[in-house]
Amino acid sequence: MAIGLIIIGDEILSGKRADKHFPKVIELLTARGLQLDWAEYIGDDRTRITSTLERSFVGNDIVFVTGGIGATPDDHTRQCAAAALHLPIVLHPEAKSLIEQRITDMLIEAGKPVDLNLPENLHRLKMGEFPQGAQIIPNPYNKIPGFAIQNHYFVPGFPVMAWPMLEWVLDSHYSHLFHQHARAEKSVLVFDAMESTLTPMMEALESEYPLIKVFSLPSVGNHQIRRHIELGVKGEPQQVEAAFDAMLKGLDGFQAEYVPA
C-alpha cells in the first residue's frame, strides 16, 4: 500500500500561493516511519480532477487530497470525488451539525442574531455535502470537516486546518503501519566526478544488495563548494552498511575525492 498526495488549486500552479503541503506531508510521514510514494498537482479544472480521482480510486493507495472542498465556484473537489465514484453528493448529517455550530459561534461572537435559515447560512451547508457513504475528518481549527472515502482523505487547502487533520487521519487510522520497516541512509559528496563513470558501480550495488537503493544527486556547485555529486545508499539498515562500505571501496578504486555528506 503506497501513500500519495494530490494538491489541488489554480493558485498553486499560477504561483499566486507557494505550496507548503508537499514538504509538510513528508515531515508528518517521516516522523511515523512512513514515506510518500507519489504526488500530483492539479488546477481547479473539474474534468481533470475527476479523471485523476477516477484513476487513484481504482488502486489501494492511501491518498491525501488538499484543496477545493469549500463552497465557492472554484471549489470542485467534493463534486469531482462523487463523480469519480459514480455516487450522489449528499449533506452529511454530522457535517451539517458541525457547520451549524460554527455558524452559531460566529454569529454570537459578532453579536448578531442566530438565524440558520438565512440564504448565506444555508449556502455554507454545501461544505458538508460529500459523496454518499463518506465519513468526516474533524477540523480542530473551525469545526468545518473534511471527508474520507475509499482510503482517500480530503482536507482544505489552508495549512492551519489541513495539517492537524492529516495528522488525525494518520494517528487514528494508520498507527499500525508506523515504523514497520527500519530505514537507513548514508551518503558522501564526490567532487568533480562524472555520473556516467559511477553508474556501473551503482548498478552493481543495487544488484548485490536488493534491499537498498542507490541515489545520485549532482550539483553544479557555488561559491562555497565546487561541483559534486551526493552519492549514497538508502534502505534496509544492515544492507545499507554493507553497500555503503562497498561503495566507498569502489570510489577509492576510481581515486575519487569525497567527504561525508
C-alpha atoms as a PDB file:
ATOM      1  CA  MET A   1       0.000   0.000   0.000  1.00  0.00           C
ATOM      2  CA  ALA A   2       1.629   3.213  -1.196  1.00  0.00           C
ATOM      3  CA  ILE A   3       0.911   6.756   0.009  1.00  0.00           C
ATOM      4  CA  GLY A   4       0.051   9.520  -2.444  1.00  0.00           C
ATOM      5  CA  LEU A   5      -0.683  13.234  -2.288  1.00  0.00           C
ATOM      6  CA  ILE A   6      -2.890  15.262  -4.633  1.00  0.00           C
ATOM      7  CA  ILE A   7      -2.658  19.048  -4.277  1.00  0.00           C
ATOM      8  CA  ILE A   8      -5.454  20.985  -5.974  1.00  0.00           C
ATOM      9  CA  GLY A   9      -5.634  24.690  -6.769  1.00  0.00           C
ATOM     10  CA  ASP A  10      -5.043  27.171  -9.567  1.00  0.00           C
ATOM     11  CA  GLU A  11      -3.308  29.430  -7.065  1.00  0.00           C
ATOM     12  CA  ILE A  12      -0.535  26.842  -6.674  1.00  0.00           C
ATOM     13  CA  LEU A  13       0.027  26.351 -10.405  1.00  0.00           C
ATOM     14  CA  SER A  14      -0.049  30.093 -11.117  1.00  0.00           C
ATOM     15  CA  GLY A  15       2.442  30.864  -8.374  1.00  0.00           C
ATOM     16  CA  LYS A  16      -0.016  33.070  -6.502  1.00  0.00           C
ATOM     17  CA  ARG A  17       0.440  30.765  -3.496  1.00  0.00           C
ATOM     18  CA  ALA A  18       3.514  28.689  -2.676  1.00  0.00           C
ATOM     19  CA  ASP A  19       2.704  25.071  -1.883  1.00  0.00           C
ATOM     20  CA  LYS A  20       3.584  24.103   1.683  1.00  0.00           C
ATOM     21  CA  HIS A  21       1.748  20.794   1.809  1.00  0.00           C
ATOM     22  CA  PHE A  22       4.336  18.677  -0.003  1.00  0.00           C
ATOM     23  CA  PRO A  23       7.213  19.161   2.479  1.00  0.00           C
ATOM     24  CA  LYS A  24       4.852  19.050   5.467  1.00  0.00           C
ATOM     25  CA  VAL A  25       3.304  15.742   4.411  1.00  0.00           C
ATOM     26  CA  ILE A  26       6.787  14.273   4.009  1.00  0.00           C
ATOM     27  CA  GLU A  27       7.622  15.546   7.508  1.00  0.00           C
ATOM     28  CA  LEU A  28       4.455  14.039   9.030  1.00  0.00           C
ATOM     29  CA  LEU A  29       5.077  10.695   7.346  1.00  0.00           C
ATOM     30  CA  THR A  30       8.782  10.546   8.184  1.00  0.00           C
ATOM     31  CA  ALA A  31       8.043  11.141  11.870  1.00  0.00           C
ATOM     32  CA  ARG A  32       5.901   7.982  11.758  1.00  0.00           C
ATOM     33  CA  GLY A  33       8.307   5.802   9.825  1.00  0.00           C
ATOM     34  CA  LEU A  34       6.353   6.181   6.583  1.00  0.00           C
ATOM     35  CA  GLN A  35       7.209   7.717   3.227  1.00  0.00           C
ATOM     36  CA  LEU A  36       5.457   9.478   0.379  1.00  0.00           C
ATOM     37  CA  ASP A  37       5.430   7.429  -2.834  1.00  0.00           C
ATOM     38  CA  TRP A  38       3.908   9.899  -5.300  1.00  0.00           C
ATOM     39  CA  ALA A  39       2.397  13.370  -5.619  1.00  0.00           C
ATOM     40  CA  GLU A  40       0.400  15.315  -8.217  1.00  0.00           C
ATOM     41  CA  TYR A  41      -0.577  18.954  -8.665  1.00  0.00           C
ATOM     42  CA  ILE A  42      -3.870  19.811 -10.384  1.00  0.00           C
ATOM     43  CA  GLY A  43      -5.571  23.113 -11.154  1.00  0.00           C
ATOM     44  CA  ASP A  44      -9.234  23.878 -10.497  1.00  0.00           C
ATOM     45  CA  ASP A  45     -10.430  22.005 -13.558  1.00  0.00           C
ATOM     46  CA  ARG A  46     -13.398  19.731 -12.881  1.00  0.00           C
ATOM     47  CA  THR A  47     -12.691  17.290 -15.734  1.00  0.00           C
ATOM     48  CA  ARG A  48      -9.048  16.853 -14.811  1.00  0.00           C
ATOM     49  CA  ILE A  49      -9.756  16.488 -11.091  1.00  0.00           C
ATOM     50  CA  THR A  50     -12.416  13.853 -11.786  1.00  0.00           C
ATOM     51  CA  SER A  51     -10.202  11.832 -14.126  1.00  0.00           C
ATOM     52  CA  THR A  52      -7.302  11.962 -11.652  1.00  0.00           C
ATOM     53  CA  LEU A  53      -9.522  10.732  -8.829  1.00  0.00           C
ATOM     54  CA  GLU A  54     -11.035   8.016 -11.034  1.00  0.00           C
ATOM     55  CA  ARG A  55      -7.537   6.703 -11.582  1.00  0.00           C
ATOM     56  CA  SER A  56      -6.484   6.876  -7.945  1.00  0.00           C
ATOM     57  CA  PHE A  57      -9.703   5.331  -6.605  1.00  0.00           C
ATOM     58  CA  VAL A  58      -9.010   2.216  -8.678  1.00  0.00           C
ATOM     59  CA  GLY A  59      -5.884   1.461  -6.651  1.00  0.00           C
ATOM     60  CA  ASN A  60      -5.368   0.609  -2.993  1.00  0.00           C
ATOM     61  CA  ASP A  61      -3.138   3.550  -2.120  1.00  0.00           C
ATOM     62  CA  ILE A  62      -3.674   5.850   0.830  1.00  0.00           C
ATOM     63  CA  VAL A  63      -4.258   9.228  -0.825  1.00  0.00           C
ATOM     64  CA  PHE A  64      -4.336  12.652   0.788  1.00  0.00           C
ATOM     65  CA  VAL A  65      -6.097  15.385  -1.197  1.00  0.00           C
ATOM     66  CA  THR A  66      -5.798  19.071  -0.302  1.00  0.00           C
ATOM     67  CA  GLY A  67      -7.857  21.982  -1.592  1.00  0.00           C
ATOM     68  CA  GLY A  68     -11.120  22.675  -3.349  1.00  0.00           C
ATOM     69  CA  ILE A  69     -13.575  21.485  -0.695  1.00  0.00           C
ATOM     70  CA  GLY A  70     -15.123  24.891   0.026  1.00  0.00           C
ATOM     71  CA  ALA A  71     -18.409  26.205  -1.370  1.00  0.00           C
ATOM     72  CA  THR A  72     -17.283  28.875  -3.855  1.00  0.00           C
ATOM     73  CA  PRO A  73     -17.496  28.470  -7.660  1.00  0.00           C
ATOM     74  CA  ASP A  74     -13.830  27.481  -7.950  1.00  0.00           C
ATOM     75  CA  ASP A  75     -14.194  24.614  -5.451  1.00  0.00           C
ATOM     76  CA  HIS A  76     -14.857  21.358  -7.292  1.00  0.00           C
ATOM     77  CA  THR A  77     -13.218  18.588  -5.272  1.00  0.00           C
ATOM     78  CA  ARG A  78     -16.291  17.328  -3.423  1.00  0.00           C
ATOM     79  CA  GLN A  79     -18.318  17.094  -6.620  1.00  0.00           C
ATOM     80  CA  CYS A  80     -15.434  15.504  -8.535  1.00  0.00           C
ATOM     81  CA  ALA A  81     -14.926  12.828  -5.882  1.00  0.00           C
ATOM     82  CA  ALA A  82     -18.614  11.924  -6.119  1.00  0.00           C
ATOM     83  CA  ALA A  83     -18.465  11.863  -9.923  1.00  0.00           C
ATOM     84  CA  ALA A  84     -15.331   9.707  -9.914  1.00  0.00           C
ATOM     85  CA  LEU A  85     -17.111   7.146  -7.728  1.00  0.00           C
ATOM     86  CA  HIS A  86     -20.466   7.446  -9.552  1.00  0.00           C
ATOM     87  CA  LEU A  87     -22.123   8.368  -6.280  1.00  0.00           C
ATOM     88  CA  PRO A  88     -24.625  11.088  -5.397  1.00  0.00           C
ATOM     89  CA  ILE A  89     -23.395  14.001  -3.333  1.00  0.00           C
ATOM     90  CA  VAL A  90     -25.395  14.368  -0.109  1.00  0.00           C
ATOM     91  CA  LEU A  91     -25.385  16.539   3.000  1.00  0.00           C
ATOM     92  CA  HIS A  92     -23.653  14.588   5.746  1.00  0.00           C
ATOM     93  CA  PRO A  93     -25.720  14.889   8.950  1.00  0.00           C
ATOM     94  CA  GLU A  94     -22.737  15.229  11.279  1.00  0.00           C
ATOM     95  CA  ALA A  95     -21.099  17.746   8.959  1.00  0.00           C
ATOM     96  CA  LYS A  96     -24.363  19.711   8.927  1.00  0.00           C
ATOM     97  CA  SER A  97     -24.388  19.841  12.715  1.00  0.00           C
ATOM     98  CA  LEU A  98     -20.749  20.932  12.909  1.00  0.00           C
ATOM     99  CA  ILE A  99     -21.194  23.657  10.291  1.00  0.00           C
ATOM    100  CA  GLU A 100     -24.276  24.957  12.079  1.00  0.00           C
ATOM    101  CA  GLN A 101     -22.279  25.036  15.320  1.00  0.00           C
ATOM    102  CA  ARG A 102     -19.607  27.066  13.552  1.00  0.00           C
ATOM    103  CA  ILE A 103     -22.184  29.493  12.128  1.00  0.00           C
ATOM    104  CA  THR A 104     -23.787  29.893  15.547  1.00  0.00           C
ATOM    105  CA  ASP A 105     -20.428  30.547  17.229  1.00  0.00           C
ATOM    106  CA  MET A 106     -19.546  33.195  14.635  1.00  0.00           C
ATOM    107  CA  LEU A 107     -22.885  34.991  14.929  1.00  0.00           C
ATOM    108  CA  ILE A 108     -22.797  35.003  18.723  1.00  0.00           C
ATOM    109  CA  GLU A 109     -19.221  36.291  18.689  1.00  0.00           C
ATOM    110  CA  ALA A 110     -20.277  39.077  16.307  1.00  0.00           C
ATOM    111  CA  GLY A 111     -23.275  39.946  18.485  1.00  0.00           C
ATOM    112  CA  LYS A 112     -25.752  39.094  15.724  1.00  0.00           C
ATOM    113  CA  PRO A 113     -28.992  37.088  15.989  1.00  0.00           C
ATOM    114  CA  VAL A 114     -28.718  33.407  15.118  1.00  0.00           C
ATOM    115  CA  ASP A 115     -30.793  32.526  12.077  1.00  0.00           C
ATOM    116  CA  LEU A 116     -29.603  29.341  10.417  1.00  0.00           C
ATOM    117  CA  ASN A 117     -32.185  29.685   7.650  1.00  0.00           C
ATOM    118  CA  LEU A 118     -30.681  32.793   6.118  1.00  0.00           C
ATOM    119  CA  PRO A 119     -29.599  32.134   2.497  1.00  0.00           C
ATOM    120  CA  GLU A 120     -25.916  32.672   3.251  1.00  0.00           C
ATOM    121  CA  ASN A 121     -26.058  30.204   6.138  1.00  0.00           C
ATOM    122  CA  LEU A 122     -27.880  27.612   4.067  1.00  0.00           C
ATOM    123  CA  HIS A 123     -25.219  28.050   1.393  1.00  0.00           C
ATOM    124  CA  ARG A 124     -22.488  27.290   3.937  1.00  0.00           C
ATOM    125  CA  LEU A 125     -24.022  23.842   4.409  1.00  0.00           C
ATOM    126  CA  LYS A 126     -22.738  22.922   0.949  1.00  0.00           C
ATOM    127  CA  MET A 127     -19.353  22.463   2.594  1.00  0.00           C
ATOM    128  CA  GLY A 128     -20.894  19.419   4.280  1.00  0.00           C
ATOM    129  CA  GLU A 129     -22.037  17.811   1.034  1.00  0.00           C
ATOM    130  CA  PHE A 130     -19.874  14.767   0.368  1.00  0.00           C
ATOM    131  CA  PRO A 131     -20.089  11.601  -1.750  1.00  0.00           C
ATOM    132  CA  GLN A 132     -22.678   9.288  -0.268  1.00  0.00           C
ATOM    133  CA  GLY A 133     -21.112   6.997   2.325  1.00  0.00           C
ATOM    134  CA  ALA A 134     -18.225   9.326   3.174  1.00  0.00           C
ATOM    135  CA  GLN A 135     -17.024   9.790   6.733  1.00  0.00           C
ATOM    136  CA  ILE A 136     -15.985  13.118   8.204  1.00  0.00           C
ATOM    137  CA  ILE A 137     -12.492  14.256   9.145  1.00  0.00           C
ATOM    138  CA  PRO A 138     -12.676  16.576  12.164  1.00  0.00           C
ATOM    139  CA  ASN A 139     -11.295  20.084  11.775  1.00  0.00           C
ATOM    140  CA  PRO A 140      -9.956  21.410  15.103  1.00  0.00           C
ATOM    141  CA  TYR A 141      -9.489  24.902  13.701  1.00  0.00           C
ATOM    142  CA  ASN A 142     -13.037  25.894  12.772  1.00  0.00           C
ATOM    143  CA  LYS A 143     -15.136  22.682  13.030  1.00  0.00           C
ATOM    144  CA  ILE A 144     -15.909  22.535   9.276  1.00  0.00           C
ATOM    145  CA  PRO A 145     -14.921  18.957   8.449  1.00  0.00           C
ATOM    146  CA  GLY A 146     -13.179  17.280   5.592  1.00  0.00           C
ATOM    147  CA  PHE A 147     -14.225  13.853   4.383  1.00  0.00           C
ATOM    148  CA  ALA A 148     -12.858  10.386   3.791  1.00  0.00           C
ATOM    149  CA  ILE A 149     -13.912   7.672   1.374  1.00  0.00           C
ATOM    150  CA  GLN A 150     -12.109   4.605  -0.014  1.00  0.00           C
ATOM    151  CA  ASN A 151      -8.695   5.366   1.532  1.00  0.00           C
ATOM    152  CA  HIS A 152      -8.854   8.949   0.190  1.00  0.00           C
ATOM    153  CA  TYR A 153      -8.748  11.813   2.667  1.00  0.00           C
ATOM    154  CA  PHE A 154      -9.928  15.247   1.580  1.00  0.00           C
ATOM    155  CA  VAL A 155      -8.894  18.317   3.574  1.00  0.00           C
ATOM    156  CA  PRO A 156      -8.904  22.097   2.985  1.00  0.00           C
ATOM    157  CA  GLY A 157      -6.087  23.895   1.237  1.00  0.00           C
ATOM    158  CA  PHE A 158      -5.330  26.020   4.323  1.00  0.00           C
ATOM    159  CA  PRO A 159      -2.308  24.535   6.133  1.00  0.00           C
ATOM    160  CA  VAL A 160      -3.581  25.631   9.562  1.00  0.00           C
ATOM    161  CA  MET A 161      -6.567  23.328   9.033  1.00  0.00           C
ATOM    162  CA  ALA A 162      -5.141  20.658   6.736  1.00  0.00           C
ATOM    163  CA  TRP A 163      -2.090  19.632   8.732  1.00  0.00           C
ATOM    164  CA  PRO A 164      -3.760  18.714  12.041  1.00  0.00           C
ATOM    165  CA  MET A 165      -6.495  16.965  10.042  1.00  0.00           C
ATOM    166  CA  LEU A 166      -3.895  14.867   8.203  1.00  0.00           C
ATOM    167  CA  GLU A 167      -2.188  14.044  11.492  1.00  0.00           C
ATOM    168  CA  TRP A 168      -5.528  12.903  12.877  1.00  0.00           C
ATOM    169  CA  VAL A 169      -6.042  10.616   9.879  1.00  0.00           C
ATOM    170  CA  LEU A 170      -2.613   9.048  10.272  1.00  0.00           C
ATOM    171  CA  ASP A 171      -2.848   8.576  14.031  1.00  0.00           C
ATOM    172  CA  SER A 172      -6.466   7.399  14.013  1.00  0.00           C
ATOM    173  CA  HIS A 173      -6.401   5.039  11.047  1.00  0.00           C
ATOM    174  CA  TYR A 174      -2.826   4.000  10.284  1.00  0.00           C
ATOM    175  CA  SER A 175      -0.893   3.753  13.544  1.00  0.00           C
ATOM    176  CA  HIS A 176      -0.496   0.017  12.838  1.00  0.00           C
ATOM    177  CA  LEU A 177       1.751   0.948   9.907  1.00  0.00           C
ATOM    178  CA  PHE A 178       4.088   3.211  11.866  1.00  0.00           C
ATOM    179  CA  HIS A 179       7.786   2.271  11.985  1.00  0.00           C
ATOM    180  CA  GLN A 180       7.202  -1.168  10.500  1.00  0.00           C
ATOM    181  CA  HIS A 181      10.296  -1.034   8.336  1.00  0.00           C
ATOM    182  CA  ALA A 182      13.612   0.220   9.646  1.00  0.00           C
ATOM    183  CA  ARG A 183      15.342   2.519   7.187  1.00  0.00           C
ATOM    184  CA  ALA A 184      18.798   3.986   6.976  1.00  0.00           C
ATOM    185  CA  GLU A 185      20.618   6.342   4.633  1.00  0.00           C
ATOM    186  CA  LYS A 186      24.304   7.135   4.180  1.00  0.00           C
ATOM    187  CA  SER A 187      25.981   9.318   1.579  1.00  0.00           C
ATOM    188  CA  VAL A 188      29.125  11.211   0.611  1.00  0.00           C
ATOM    189  CA  LEU A 189      29.894  14.212  -1.565  1.00  0.00           C
ATOM    190  CA  VAL A 190      32.040  13.149  -4.520  1.00  0.00           C
ATOM    191  CA  PHE A 191      33.896  16.045  -6.140  1.00  0.00           C
ATOM    192  CA  ASP A 192      34.389  16.587  -9.871  1.00  0.00           C
ATOM    193  CA  ALA A 193      33.112  13.117 -10.780  1.00  0.00           C
ATOM    194  CA  MET A 194      31.027  12.076 -13.782  1.00  0.00           C
ATOM    195  CA  GLU A 195      27.799  10.163 -13.151  1.00  0.00           C
ATOM    196  CA  SER A 196      28.389   8.091 -16.278  1.00  0.00           C
ATOM    197  CA  THR A 197      31.639   6.842 -14.758  1.00  0.00           C
ATOM    198  CA  LEU A 198      29.970   5.898 -11.472  1.00  0.00           C
ATOM    199  CA  THR A 199      26.809   4.351 -12.949  1.00  0.00           C
ATOM    200  CA  PRO A 200      28.164   0.780 -13.420  1.00  0.00           C
ATOM    201  CA  MET A 201      29.216   0.726  -9.761  1.00  0.00           C
ATOM    202  CA  MET A 202      25.776   1.998  -8.713  1.00  0.00           C
ATOM    203  CA  GLU A 203      24.034  -0.690 -10.772  1.00  0.00           C
ATOM    204  CA  ALA A 204      26.266  -3.389  -9.293  1.00  0.00           C
ATOM    205  CA  LEU A 205      25.444  -2.244  -5.748  1.00  0.00           C
ATOM    206  CA  GLU A 206      21.704  -2.433  -6.349  1.00  0.00           C
ATOM    207  CA  SER A 207      22.121  -5.875  -7.901  1.00  0.00           C
ATOM    208  CA  GLU A 208      24.181  -7.200  -4.994  1.00  0.00           C
ATOM    209  CA  TYR A 209      22.078  -5.575  -2.267  1.00  0.00           C
ATOM    210  CA  PRO A 210      18.413  -5.849  -3.325  1.00  0.00           C
ATOM    211  CA  LEU A 211      17.038  -4.134  -0.192  1.00  0.00           C
ATOM    212  CA  ILE A 212      18.756  -0.809  -0.906  1.00  0.00           C
ATOM    213  CA  LYS A 213      18.510   1.945  -3.465  1.00  0.00           C
ATOM    214  CA  VAL A 214      21.427   3.992  -4.694  1.00  0.00           C
ATOM    215  CA  PHE A 215      20.876   7.707  -5.241  1.00  0.00           C
ATOM    216  CA  SER A 216      22.946  10.260  -7.117  1.00  0.00           C
ATOM    217  CA  LEU A 217      22.249  13.982  -6.739  1.00  0.00           C
ATOM    218  CA  PRO A 218      24.569  16.116  -8.902  1.00  0.00           C
ATOM    219  CA  SER A 219      25.250  19.773  -8.111  1.00  0.00           C
ATOM    220  CA  VAL A 220      26.969  22.406 -10.217  1.00  0.00           C
ATOM    221  CA  GLY A 221      28.346  23.906  -7.008  1.00  0.00           C
ATOM    222  CA  ASN A 222      28.564  27.521  -5.893  1.00  0.00           C
ATOM    223  CA  HIS A 223      30.980  29.994  -4.343  1.00  0.00           C
ATOM    224  CA  GLN A 224      31.150  27.843  -1.192  1.00  0.00           C
ATOM    225  CA  ILE A 225      31.581  24.385  -2.685  1.00  0.00           C
ATOM    226  CA  ARG A 226      32.735  23.139  -6.060  1.00  0.00           C
ATOM    227  CA  ARG A 227      30.910  20.786  -8.440  1.00  0.00           C
ATOM    228  CA  HIS A 228      29.995  17.497  -6.795  1.00  0.00           C
ATOM    229  CA  ILE A 229      27.618  14.561  -6.610  1.00  0.00           C
ATOM    230  CA  GLU A 230      25.906  13.473  -3.428  1.00  0.00           C
ATOM    231  CA  LEU A 231      26.190   9.712  -3.802  1.00  0.00           C
ATOM    232  CA  GLY A 232      24.534   7.429  -1.295  1.00  0.00           C
ATOM    233  CA  VAL A 233      22.508   4.371  -0.421  1.00  0.00           C
ATOM    234  CA  LYS A 234      19.224   4.032   1.485  1.00  0.00           C
ATOM    235  CA  GLY A 235      17.012   1.190   2.605  1.00  0.00           C
ATOM    236  CA  GLU A 236      17.322  -1.760   4.995  1.00  0.00           C
ATOM    237  CA  PRO A 237      19.920  -0.767   7.647  1.00  0.00           C
ATOM    238  CA  GLN A 238      22.208  -3.825   7.500  1.00  0.00           C
ATOM    239  CA  GLN A 239      22.358  -3.805   3.727  1.00  0.00           C
ATOM    240  CA  VAL A 240      22.895  -0.029   3.755  1.00  0.00           C
ATOM    241  CA  GLU A 241      26.000  -0.510   5.925  1.00  0.00           C
ATOM    242  CA  ALA A 242      27.407  -3.207   3.678  1.00  0.00           C
ATOM    243  CA  ALA A 243      26.538  -1.400   0.450  1.00  0.00           C
ATOM    244  CA  PHE A 244      27.966   1.869   1.731  1.00  0.00           C
ATOM    245  CA  ASP A 245      31.286   0.207   2.584  1.00  0.00           C
ATOM    246  CA  ALA A 246      31.346  -1.386  -0.875  1.00  0.00           C
ATOM    247  CA  MET A 247      30.534   1.995  -2.442  1.00  0.00           C
ATOM    248  CA  LEU A 248      33.459   3.674  -0.661  1.00  0.00           C
ATOM    249  CA  LYS A 249      35.814   0.924  -1.847  1.00  0.00           C
ATOM    250  CA  GLY A 250      34.526   1.489  -5.370  1.00  0.00           C
ATOM    251  CA  LEU A 251      35.153   5.235  -5.088  1.00  0.00           C
ATOM    252  CA  ASP A 252      38.668   4.549  -3.801  1.00  0.00           C
ATOM    253  CA  GLY A 253      39.193   2.405  -6.876  1.00  0.00           C
ATOM    254  CA  PHE A 254      38.336   5.445  -9.015  1.00  0.00           C
ATOM    255  CA  GLN A 255      40.695   7.532  -6.859  1.00  0.00           C
ATOM    256  CA  ALA A 256      37.730   9.821  -6.271  1.00  0.00           C
ATOM    257  CA  GLU A 257      37.812  12.680  -3.800  1.00  0.00           C
ATOM    258  CA  TYR A 258      34.910  12.546  -1.380  1.00  0.00           C
ATOM    259  CA  VAL A 259      33.805  13.745   2.074  1.00  0.00           C
ATOM    260  CA  PRO A 260      30.864  12.758   4.316  1.00  0.00           C
ATOM    261  CA  ALA A 261      27.625  14.413   3.205  1.00  0.00           C
END
